[in-house]
C-alpha atoms as a PDB file:
ATOM      1  CA  MET A   1      42.041  49.999 -40.649  1.00  0.00           C
ATOM      2  CA  PRO A   2      39.253  48.427 -38.596  1.00  0.00           C
ATOM      3  CA  ILE A   3      39.153  48.941 -34.866  1.00  0.00           C
ATOM      4  CA  ASP A   4      39.663  45.702 -32.993  1.00  0.00           C
ATOM      5  CA  LYS A   5      37.530  44.962 -29.934  1.00  0.00           C
ATOM      6  CA  LYS A   6      40.709  44.151 -27.981  1.00  0.00           C
ATOM      7  CA  ASP A   7      42.093  47.615 -28.723  1.00  0.00           C
ATOM      8  CA  VAL A   8      38.954  49.224 -27.339  1.00  0.00           C
ATOM      9  CA  GLU A   9      39.103  46.999 -24.256  1.00  0.00           C
ATOM     10  CA  LEU A  10      42.764  47.898 -23.689  1.00  0.00           C
ATOM     11  CA  VAL A  11      42.028  51.605 -23.929  1.00  0.00           C
ATOM     12  CA  ALA A  12      39.039  51.258 -21.607  1.00  0.00           C
ATOM     13  CA  GLN A  13      41.128  49.314 -19.090  1.00  0.00           C
ATOM     14  CA  GLU A  14      43.906  51.908 -19.207  1.00  0.00           C
ATOM     15  CA  LEU A  15      41.377  54.697 -18.649  1.00  0.00           C
ATOM     16  CA  GLN A  16      39.900  52.788 -15.710  1.00  0.00           C
ATOM     17  CA  ASN A  17      43.350  52.251 -14.185  1.00  0.00           C
ATOM     18  CA  ARG A  18      44.250  55.923 -14.510  1.00  0.00           C
ATOM     19  CA  PHE A  19      40.915  56.973 -13.052  1.00  0.00           C
ATOM     20  CA  ASN A  20      41.395  54.637 -10.084  1.00  0.00           C
ATOM     21  CA  GLU A  21      44.882  56.071  -9.467  1.00  0.00           C
ATOM     22  CA  PHE A  22      43.519  59.603  -9.638  1.00  0.00           C
ATOM     23  CA  LYS A  23      40.630  58.749  -7.324  1.00  0.00           C
ATOM     24  CA  GLU A  24      42.953  57.193  -4.745  1.00  0.00           C
ATOM     25  CA  LYS A  25      45.263  60.224  -4.731  1.00  0.00           C
ATOM     26  CA  ASN A  26      42.337  62.626  -4.622  1.00  0.00           C
ATOM     27  CA  ASP A  27      40.689  60.768  -1.722  1.00  0.00           C
ATOM     28  CA  LYS A  28      43.930  61.004   0.271  1.00  0.00           C
ATOM     29  CA  ARG A  29      44.181  64.706  -0.520  1.00  0.00           C
ATOM     30  CA  ILE A  30      40.608  65.304   0.612  1.00  0.00           C
ATOM     31  CA  GLU A  31      41.224  63.390   3.854  1.00  0.00           C
ATOM     32  CA  ALA A  32      44.275  65.565   4.547  1.00  0.00           C
ATOM     33  CA  ILE A  33      42.280  68.731   3.873  1.00  0.00           C
ATOM     34  CA  GLU A  34      39.498  67.593   6.212  1.00  0.00           C
ATOM     35  CA  ALA A  35      42.025  66.813   8.957  1.00  0.00           C
ATOM     36  CA  GLN A  36      43.583  70.259   8.578  1.00  0.00           C
ATOM     37  CA  LYS A  37      40.135  71.835   8.622  1.00  0.00           C
ATOM     38  CA  GLY A  38      39.436  70.162  11.976  1.00  0.00           C
ATOM     39  CA  LYS A  39      42.676  71.511  13.436  1.00  0.00           C
ATOM     40  CA  LEU A  40      41.872  75.003  12.198  1.00  0.00           C
ATOM     41  CA  SER A  41      38.424  74.842  13.803  1.00  0.00           C
ATOM     42  CA  GLU A  42      40.012  73.988  17.134  1.00  0.00           C
ATOM     43  CA  ASN A  43      42.426  76.910  16.788  1.00  0.00           C
ATOM     44  CA  VAL A  44      39.585  79.293  15.972  1.00  0.00           C
ATOM     45  CA  GLU A  45      37.655  78.152  19.045  1.00  0.00           C
ATOM     46  CA  THR A  46      40.725  78.683  21.235  1.00  0.00           C
ATOM     47  CA  LEU A  47      41.310  82.152  19.804  1.00  0.00           C
ATOM     48  CA  ASN A  48      37.657  83.091  20.269  1.00  0.00           C
ATOM     49  CA  ALA A  49      37.830  82.039  23.918  1.00  0.00           C
ATOM     50  CA  LYS A  50      40.953  84.151  24.435  1.00  0.00           C
ATOM     51  CA  LEU A  51      39.322  87.120  22.713  1.00  0.00           C
ATOM     52  CA  SER A  52      36.357  86.810  25.060  1.00  0.00           C
ATOM     53  CA  GLU A  53      38.724  86.840  28.030  1.00  0.00           C
ATOM     54  CA  LEU A  54      40.499  89.918  26.675  1.00  0.00           C
ATOM     55  CA  ASP A  55      37.186  91.690  26.082  1.00  0.00           C
ATOM     56  CA  ALA A  56      36.168  90.961  29.670  1.00  0.00           C
ATOM     57  CA  LEU A  57      39.482  92.307  30.967  1.00  0.00           C
ATOM     58  CA  LYS A  58      39.164  95.398  28.788  1.00  0.00           C
ATOM     59  CA  SER A  59      35.659  96.036  30.097  1.00  0.00           C
ATOM     60  CA  SER A  60      36.809  95.698  33.688  1.00  0.00           C
ATOM     61  CA  LEU A  61      39.658  98.151  33.067  1.00  0.00           C
ATOM     62  CA  GLU A  62      37.334 100.683  31.486  1.00  0.00           C
ATOM     63  CA  GLU A  63      35.025 100.715  34.517  1.00  0.00           C
END
């Protein structure tokens, strides 16, 4: 059975459609991860500032 050019084009189009769907979902997932990463960075900075304050208080108590 010979392979028809239309069959190849249909398969290629279906692959392209599925890839585009995957890419769209993956891009959204990456954006969500980046947003969460930004929030975590802010939390780490806040915690580091509080740790510095606690270290200063500890030092003053030890004197």
